Amino acid sequence: MIVFYRAASGESPVEGFLDRLGSAAARKVTWVLRLVGTDGIWECRADHGSDTFRILCFMASGNRLVLTHGFAK
């Protein structure tokens, strides 16, 4: 299960990041996730054209993948 992190204010940095992307890029980031990481923090990577998008995440109890922040590199 994928869960979006929400701050105490109710904001979700990843949802905001995806909203700012064009729809084609957001679909690519949403559906083509390659997990790269170490013990604690993982990185979901997606390439779209010449852009590379990354979303930081971690595994939580109950097999939940919690998405925390997104950015373009």
PDB file of N, CA and C in Angstrom:
ATOM      1  N   MET A   1       0.849  -1.165   0.000  1.00  0.00           N
ATOM      2  CA  MET A   1       0.000   0.000   0.000  1.00  0.00           C
ATOM      3  C   MET A   1       0.899   1.234   0.000  1.00  0.00           C
ATOM      4  N   ILE A   2       0.572   2.215  -0.812  1.00  0.00           N
ATOM      5  CA  ILE A   2       1.321   3.473  -0.865  1.00  0.00           C
ATOM      6  C   ILE A   2       0.532   4.535  -0.111  1.00  0.00           C
ATOM      7  N   VAL A   3       1.220   5.257   0.782  1.00  0.00           N
ATOM      8  CA  VAL A   3       0.598   6.285   1.608  1.00  0.00           C
ATOM      9  C   VAL A   3       1.370   7.583   1.408  1.00  0.00           C
ATOM     10  N   PHE A   4       0.665   8.682   1.245  1.00  0.00           N
ATOM     11  CA  PHE A   4       1.303   9.989   1.148  1.00  0.00           C
ATOM     12  C   PHE A   4       1.475  10.570   2.550  1.00  0.00           C
ATOM     13  N   TYR A   5       2.686  10.987   2.865  1.00  0.00           N
ATOM     14  CA  TYR A   5       2.942  11.651   4.143  1.00  0.00           C
ATOM     15  C   TYR A   5       2.127  12.944   4.194  1.00  0.00           C
ATOM     16  N   ARG A   6       1.565  13.240   5.355  1.00  0.00           N
ATOM     17  CA  ARG A   6       0.840  14.502   5.572  1.00  0.00           C
ATOM     18  C   ARG A   6       1.405  15.189   6.802  1.00  0.00           C
ATOM     19  N   ALA A   7       1.707  16.469   6.652  1.00  0.00           N
ATOM     20  CA  ALA A   7       2.183  17.275   7.774  1.00  0.00           C
ATOM     21  C   ALA A   7       1.010  17.536   8.714  1.00  0.00           C
ATOM     22  N   ALA A   8       1.308  18.077   9.891  1.00  0.00           N
ATOM     23  CA  ALA A   8       0.255  18.393  10.860  1.00  0.00           C
ATOM     24  C   ALA A   8      -0.778  19.346  10.261  1.00  0.00           C
ATOM     25  N   SER A   9      -0.352  20.177   9.301  1.00  0.00           N
ATOM     26  CA  SER A   9      -1.262  21.120   8.643  1.00  0.00           C
ATOM     27  C   SER A   9      -2.186  20.431   7.641  1.00  0.00           C
ATOM     28  N   GLY A  10      -1.920  19.156   7.358  1.00  0.00           N
ATOM     29  CA  GLY A  10      -2.725  18.423   6.384  1.00  0.00           C
ATOM     30  C   GLY A  10      -2.126  18.411   4.988  1.00  0.00           C
ATOM     31  N   GLU A  11      -1.061  19.179   4.766  1.00  0.00           N
ATOM     32  CA  GLU A  11      -0.438  19.243   3.450  1.00  0.00           C
ATOM     33  C   GLU A  11       0.369  17.983   3.171  1.00  0.00           C
ATOM     34  N   SER A  12       0.392  17.580   1.912  1.00  0.00           N
ATOM     35  CA  SER A  12       1.192  16.447   1.462  1.00  0.00           C
ATOM     36  C   SER A  12       2.204  16.958   0.443  1.00  0.00           C
ATOM     37  N   PRO A  13       3.505  16.995   0.789  1.00  0.00           N
ATOM     38  CA  PRO A  13       4.517  17.493  -0.149  1.00  0.00           C
ATOM     39  C   PRO A  13       4.540  16.728  -1.475  1.00  0.00           C
ATOM     40  N   VAL A  14       4.337  15.420  -1.446  1.00  0.00           N
ATOM     41  CA  VAL A  14       4.381  14.645  -2.687  1.00  0.00           C
ATOM     42  C   VAL A  14       3.174  14.954  -3.563  1.00  0.00           C
ATOM     43  N   GLU A  15       2.003  15.059  -2.976  1.00  0.00           N
ATOM     44  CA  GLU A  15       0.821  15.400  -3.776  1.00  0.00           C
ATOM     45  C   GLU A  15       0.983  16.782  -4.393  1.00  0.00           C
ATOM     46  N   GLY A  16       1.549  17.725  -3.649  1.00  0.00           N
ATOM     47  CA  GLY A  16       1.811  19.057  -4.199  1.00  0.00           C
ATOM     48  C   GLY A  16       2.794  18.999  -5.351  1.00  0.00           C
ATOM     49  N   PHE A  17       3.844  18.189  -5.200  1.00  0.00           N
ATOM     50  CA  PHE A  17       4.841  18.008  -6.261  1.00  0.00           C
ATOM     51  C   PHE A  17       4.192  17.436  -7.517  1.00  0.00           C
ATOM     52  N   LEU A  18       3.387  16.386  -7.359  1.00  0.00           N
ATOM     53  CA  LEU A  18       2.728  15.773  -8.510  1.00  0.00           C
ATOM     54  C   LEU A  18       1.739  16.729  -9.164  1.00  0.00           C
ATOM     55  N   ASP A  19       1.059  17.550  -8.373  1.00  0.00           N
ATOM     56  CA  ASP A  19       0.119  18.530  -8.923  1.00  0.00           C
ATOM     57  C   ASP A  19       0.824  19.566  -9.784  1.00  0.00           C
ATOM     58  N   ARG A  20       2.073  19.910  -9.424  1.00  0.00           N
ATOM     59  CA  ARG A  20       2.829  20.915 -10.182  1.00  0.00           C
ATOM     60  C   ARG A  20       3.402  20.370 -11.489  1.00  0.00           C
ATOM     61  N   LEU A  21       3.499  19.065 -11.619  1.00  0.00           N
ATOM     62  CA  LEU A  21       3.987  18.455 -12.860  1.00  0.00           C
ATOM     63  C   LEU A  21       2.887  18.475 -13.906  1.00  0.00           C
ATOM     64  N   GLY A  22       3.266  18.385 -15.168  1.00  0.00           N
ATOM     65  CA  GLY A  22       2.271  18.196 -16.221  1.00  0.00           C
ATOM     66  C   GLY A  22       1.650  16.821 -16.068  1.00  0.00           C
ATOM     67  N   SER A  23       0.487  16.598 -16.625  1.00  0.00           N
ATOM     68  CA  SER A  23      -0.218  15.338 -16.421  1.00  0.00           C
ATOM     69  C   SER A  23       0.553  14.136 -16.960  1.00  0.00           C
ATOM     70  N   ALA A  24       1.234  14.262 -18.097  1.00  0.00           N
ATOM     71  CA  ALA A  24       1.990  13.134 -18.653  1.00  0.00           C
ATOM     72  C   ALA A  24       3.143  12.759 -17.727  1.00  0.00           C
ATOM     73  N   ALA A  25       3.851  13.751 -17.217  1.00  0.00           N
ATOM     74  CA  ALA A  25       4.966  13.483 -16.307  1.00  0.00           C
ATOM     75  C   ALA A  25       4.459  12.893 -14.996  1.00  0.00           C
ATOM     76  N   ALA A  26       3.354  13.400 -14.478  1.00  0.00           N
ATOM     77  CA  ALA A  26       2.808  12.888 -13.222  1.00  0.00           C
ATOM     78  C   ALA A  26       2.394  11.430 -13.376  1.00  0.00           C
ATOM     79  N   ARG A  27       1.800  11.069 -14.513  1.00  0.00           N
ATOM     80  CA  ARG A  27       1.436   9.667 -14.746  1.00  0.00           C
ATOM     81  C   ARG A  27       2.685   8.793 -14.769  1.00  0.00           C
ATOM     82  N   LYS A  28       3.747   9.279 -15.405  1.00  0.00           N
ATOM     83  CA  LYS A  28       4.992   8.507 -15.482  1.00  0.00           C
ATOM     84  C   LYS A  28       5.567   8.295 -14.086  1.00  0.00           C
ATOM     85  N   VAL A  29       5.609   9.341 -13.269  1.00  0.00           N
ATOM     86  CA  VAL A  29       6.136   9.229 -11.915  1.00  0.00           C
ATOM     87  C   VAL A  29       5.267   8.295 -11.092  1.00  0.00           C
ATOM     88  N   THR A  30       3.967   8.375 -11.268  1.00  0.00           N
ATOM     89  CA  THR A  30       3.047   7.567 -10.482  1.00  0.00           C
ATOM     90  C   THR A  30       3.136   6.086 -10.829  1.00  0.00           C
ATOM     91  N   TRP A  31       3.308   5.753 -12.110  1.00  0.00           N
ATOM     92  CA  TRP A  31       3.236   4.360 -12.514  1.00  0.00           C
ATOM     93  C   TRP A  31       4.569   3.666 -12.705  1.00  0.00           C
ATOM     94  N   VAL A  32       5.642   4.402 -12.967  1.00  0.00           N
ATOM     95  CA  VAL A  32       6.933   3.772 -13.225  1.00  0.00           C
ATOM     96  C   VAL A  32       7.883   4.137 -12.097  1.00  0.00           C
ATOM     97  N   LEU A  33       7.860   3.376 -11.046  1.00  0.00           N
ATOM     98  CA  LEU A  33       8.688   3.647  -9.880  1.00  0.00           C
ATOM     99  C   LEU A  33       9.776   2.590  -9.774  1.00  0.00           C
ATOM    100  N   ARG A  34      11.004   3.052  -9.741  1.00  0.00           N
ATOM    101  CA  ARG A  34      12.135   2.158  -9.511  1.00  0.00           C
ATOM    102  C   ARG A  34      12.674   2.493  -8.137  1.00  0.00           C
ATOM    103  N   LEU A  35      12.611   1.576  -7.229  1.00  0.00           N
ATOM    104  CA  LEU A  35      13.073   1.827  -5.863  1.00  0.00           C
ATOM    105  C   LEU A  35      14.578   1.631  -5.778  1.00  0.00           C
ATOM    106  N   VAL A  36      15.259   2.653  -5.267  1.00  0.00           N
ATOM    107  CA  VAL A  36      16.697   2.612  -5.059  1.00  0.00           C
ATOM    108  C   VAL A  36      16.941   3.124  -3.657  1.00  0.00           C
ATOM    109  N   GLY A  37      17.737   2.416  -2.863  1.00  0.00           N
ATOM    110  CA  GLY A  37      17.956   2.954  -1.529  1.00  0.00           C
ATOM    111  C   GLY A  37      18.799   2.082  -0.642  1.00  0.00           C
ATOM    112  N   THR A  38      18.778   2.444   0.606  1.00  0.00           N
ATOM    113  CA  THR A  38      19.538   1.738   1.625  1.00  0.00           C
ATOM    114  C   THR A  38      18.576   1.209   2.672  1.00  0.00           C
ATOM    115  N   ASP A  39      19.014   1.132   3.896  1.00  0.00           N
ATOM    116  CA  ASP A  39      18.195   0.542   4.953  1.00  0.00           C
ATOM    117  C   ASP A  39      16.937   1.340   5.293  1.00  0.00           C
ATOM    118  N   GLY A  40      17.028   2.675   5.334  1.00  0.00           N
ATOM    119  CA  GLY A  40      15.904   3.451   5.834  1.00  0.00           C
ATOM    120  C   GLY A  40      15.146   4.242   4.795  1.00  0.00           C
ATOM    121  N   ILE A  41      15.834   5.123   4.077  1.00  0.00           N
ATOM    122  CA  ILE A  41      15.184   5.996   3.102  1.00  0.00           C
ATOM    123  C   ILE A  41      15.387   5.425   1.699  1.00  0.00           C
ATOM    124  N   TRP A  42      14.310   5.359   0.962  1.00  0.00           N
ATOM    125  CA  TRP A  42      14.350   4.869  -0.408  1.00  0.00           C
ATOM    126  C   TRP A  42      14.027   5.999  -1.358  1.00  0.00           C
ATOM    127  N   GLU A  43      14.397   5.828  -2.598  1.00  0.00           N
ATOM    128  CA  GLU A  43      14.153   6.823  -3.634  1.00  0.00           C
ATOM    129  C   GLU A  43      13.396   6.148  -4.766  1.00  0.00           C
ATOM    130  N   CYS A  44      12.238   6.682  -5.112  1.00  0.00           N
ATOM    131  CA  CYS A  44      11.499   6.224  -6.285  1.00  0.00           C
ATOM    132  C   CYS A  44      11.944   7.104  -7.440  1.00  0.00           C
ATOM    133  N   ARG A  45      12.429   6.503  -8.510  1.00  0.00           N
ATOM    134  CA  ARG A  45      12.912   7.271  -9.659  1.00  0.00           C
ATOM    135  C   ARG A  45      12.034   7.014 -10.868  1.00  0.00           C
ATOM    136  N   ALA A  46      11.823   8.050 -11.650  1.00  0.00           N
ATOM    137  CA  ALA A  46      11.109   7.920 -12.914  1.00  0.00           C
ATOM    138  C   ALA A  46      11.721   8.888 -13.911  1.00  0.00           C
ATOM    139  N   ASP A  47      11.968   8.406 -15.124  1.00  0.00           N
ATOM    140  CA  ASP A  47      12.486   9.257 -16.194  1.00  0.00           C
ATOM    141  C   ASP A  47      11.336   9.617 -17.124  1.00  0.00           C
ATOM    142  N   HIS A  48      11.312  10.875 -17.546  1.00  0.00           N
ATOM    143  CA  HIS A  48      10.304  11.349 -18.491  1.00  0.00           C
ATOM    144  C   HIS A  48      11.019  12.310 -19.424  1.00  0.00           C
ATOM    145  N   GLY A  49      11.249  11.873 -20.653  1.00  0.00           N
ATOM    146  CA  GLY A  49      12.030  12.684 -21.574  1.00  0.00           C
ATOM    147  C   GLY A  49      13.432  12.850 -21.008  1.00  0.00           C
ATOM    148  N   SER A  50      13.901  14.080 -20.952  1.00  0.00           N
ATOM    149  CA  SER A  50      15.228  14.341 -20.391  1.00  0.00           C
ATOM    150  C   SER A  50      15.178  14.632 -18.892  1.00  0.00           C
ATOM    151  N   ASP A  51      13.998  14.565 -18.293  1.00  0.00           N
ATOM    152  CA  ASP A  51      13.840  14.842 -16.862  1.00  0.00           C
ATOM    153  C   ASP A  51      13.873  13.552 -16.044  1.00  0.00           C
ATOM    154  N   THR A  52      14.440  13.657 -14.851  1.00  0.00           N
ATOM    155  CA  THR A  52      14.399  12.559 -13.891  1.00  0.00           C
ATOM    156  C   THR A  52      13.700  13.069 -12.646  1.00  0.00           C
ATOM    157  N   PHE A  53      12.650  12.383 -12.238  1.00  0.00           N
ATOM    158  CA  PHE A  53      11.884  12.759 -11.058  1.00  0.00           C
ATOM    159  C   PHE A  53      12.183  11.771  -9.946  1.00  0.00           C
ATOM    160  N   ARG A  54      12.247  12.274  -8.730  1.00  0.00           N
ATOM    161  CA  ARG A  54      12.544  11.423  -7.583  1.00  0.00           C
ATOM    162  C   ARG A  54      11.578  11.723  -6.446  1.00  0.00           C
ATOM    163  N   ILE A  55      11.167  10.667  -5.779  1.00  0.00           N
ATOM    164  CA  ILE A  55      10.302  10.793  -4.608  1.00  0.00           C
ATOM    165  C   ILE A  55      10.957   9.998  -3.494  1.00  0.00           C
ATOM    166  N   LEU A  56      11.172  10.642  -2.359  1.00  0.00           N
ATOM    167  CA  LEU A  56      11.768   9.963  -1.208  1.00  0.00           C
ATOM    168  C   LEU A  56      10.673   9.257  -0.421  1.00  0.00           C
ATOM    169  N   CYS A  57      10.999   8.082   0.113  1.00  0.00           N
ATOM    170  CA  CYS A  57       9.995   7.296   0.817  1.00  0.00           C
ATOM    171  C   CYS A  57      10.661   6.362   1.818  1.00  0.00           C
ATOM    172  N   PHE A  58       9.824   5.746   2.651  1.00  0.00           N
ATOM    173  CA  PHE A  58      10.308   4.737   3.593  1.00  0.00           C
ATOM    174  C   PHE A  58       9.216   3.695   3.807  1.00  0.00           C
ATOM    175  N   MET A  59       9.644   2.527   4.254  1.00  0.00           N
ATOM    176  CA  MET A  59       8.694   1.455   4.551  1.00  0.00           C
ATOM    177  C   MET A  59       8.214   1.609   5.987  1.00  0.00           C
ATOM    178  N   ALA A  60       6.908   1.466   6.170  1.00  0.00           N
ATOM    179  CA  ALA A  60       6.305   1.551   7.506  1.00  0.00           C
ATOM    180  C   ALA A  60       5.630   0.218   7.813  1.00  0.00           C
ATOM    181  N   SER A  61       5.089   0.098   8.996  1.00  0.00           N
ATOM    182  CA  SER A  61       4.434  -1.153   9.392  1.00  0.00           C
ATOM    183  C   SER A  61       3.280  -1.481   8.453  1.00  0.00           C
ATOM    184  N   GLY A  62       2.989  -2.753   8.357  1.00  0.00           N
ATOM    185  CA  GLY A  62       1.877  -3.180   7.519  1.00  0.00           C
ATOM    186  C   GLY A  62       2.175  -3.112   6.035  1.00  0.00           C
ATOM    187  N   ASN A  63       3.446  -3.200   5.644  1.00  0.00           N
ATOM    188  CA  ASN A  63       3.843  -3.139   4.231  1.00  0.00           C
ATOM    189  C   ASN A  63       3.397  -1.856   3.546  1.00  0.00           C
ATOM    190  N   ARG A  64       3.438  -0.759   4.283  1.00  0.00           N
ATOM    191  CA  ARG A  64       3.081   0.539   3.711  1.00  0.00           C
ATOM    192  C   ARG A  64       4.342   1.252   3.233  1.00  0.00           C
ATOM    193  N   LEU A  65       4.296   1.800   2.032  1.00  0.00           N
ATOM    194  CA  LEU A  65       5.352   2.641   1.493  1.00  0.00           C
ATOM    195  C   LEU A  65       4.892   4.078   1.659  1.00  0.00           C
ATOM    196  N   VAL A  66       5.584   4.854   2.494  1.00  0.00           N
ATOM    197  CA  VAL A  66       5.178   6.224   2.794  1.00  0.00           C
ATOM    198  C   VAL A  66       6.014   7.172   1.938  1.00  0.00           C
ATOM    199  N   LEU A  67       5.354   7.927   1.036  1.00  0.00           N
ATOM    200  CA  LEU A  67       6.012   8.898   0.173  1.00  0.00           C
ATOM    201  C   LEU A  67       6.098  10.217   0.914  1.00  0.00           C
ATOM    202  N   THR A  68       7.313  10.797   0.977  1.00  0.00           N
ATOM    203  CA  THR A  68       7.502  11.994   1.796  1.00  0.00           C
ATOM    204  C   THR A  68       7.732  13.269   0.997  1.00  0.00           C
ATOM    205  N   HIS A  69       8.659  13.276   0.042  1.00  0.00           N
ATOM    206  CA  HIS A  69       9.002  14.481  -0.732  1.00  0.00           C
ATOM    207  C   HIS A  69       9.318  14.115  -2.177  1.00  0.00           C
ATOM    208  N   GLY A  70       9.028  15.007  -3.100  1.00  0.00           N
ATOM    209  CA  GLY A  70       9.347  14.786  -4.496  1.00  0.00           C
ATOM    210  C   GLY A  70      10.108  15.960  -5.081  1.00  0.00           C
ATOM    211  N   PHE A  71      10.950  15.660  -6.079  1.00  0.00           N
ATOM    212  CA  PHE A  71      11.704  16.730  -6.739  1.00  0.00           C
ATOM    213  C   PHE A  71      12.170  16.250  -8.111  1.00  0.00           C
ATOM    214  N   ALA A  72      12.503  17.210  -8.965  1.00  0.00           N
ATOM    215  CA  ALA A  72      13.070  16.912 -10.279  1.00  0.00           C
ATOM    216  C   ALA A  72      14.566  17.134 -10.196  1.00  0.00           C
ATOM    217  N   LYS A  73      15.307  16.251 -10.832  1.00  0.00           N
ATOM    218  CA  LYS A  73      16.760  16.395 -10.808  1.00  0.00           C
ATOM    219  C   LYS A  73      17.251  16.704 -12.192  1.00  0.00           C
TER     220      LYS A  73
END
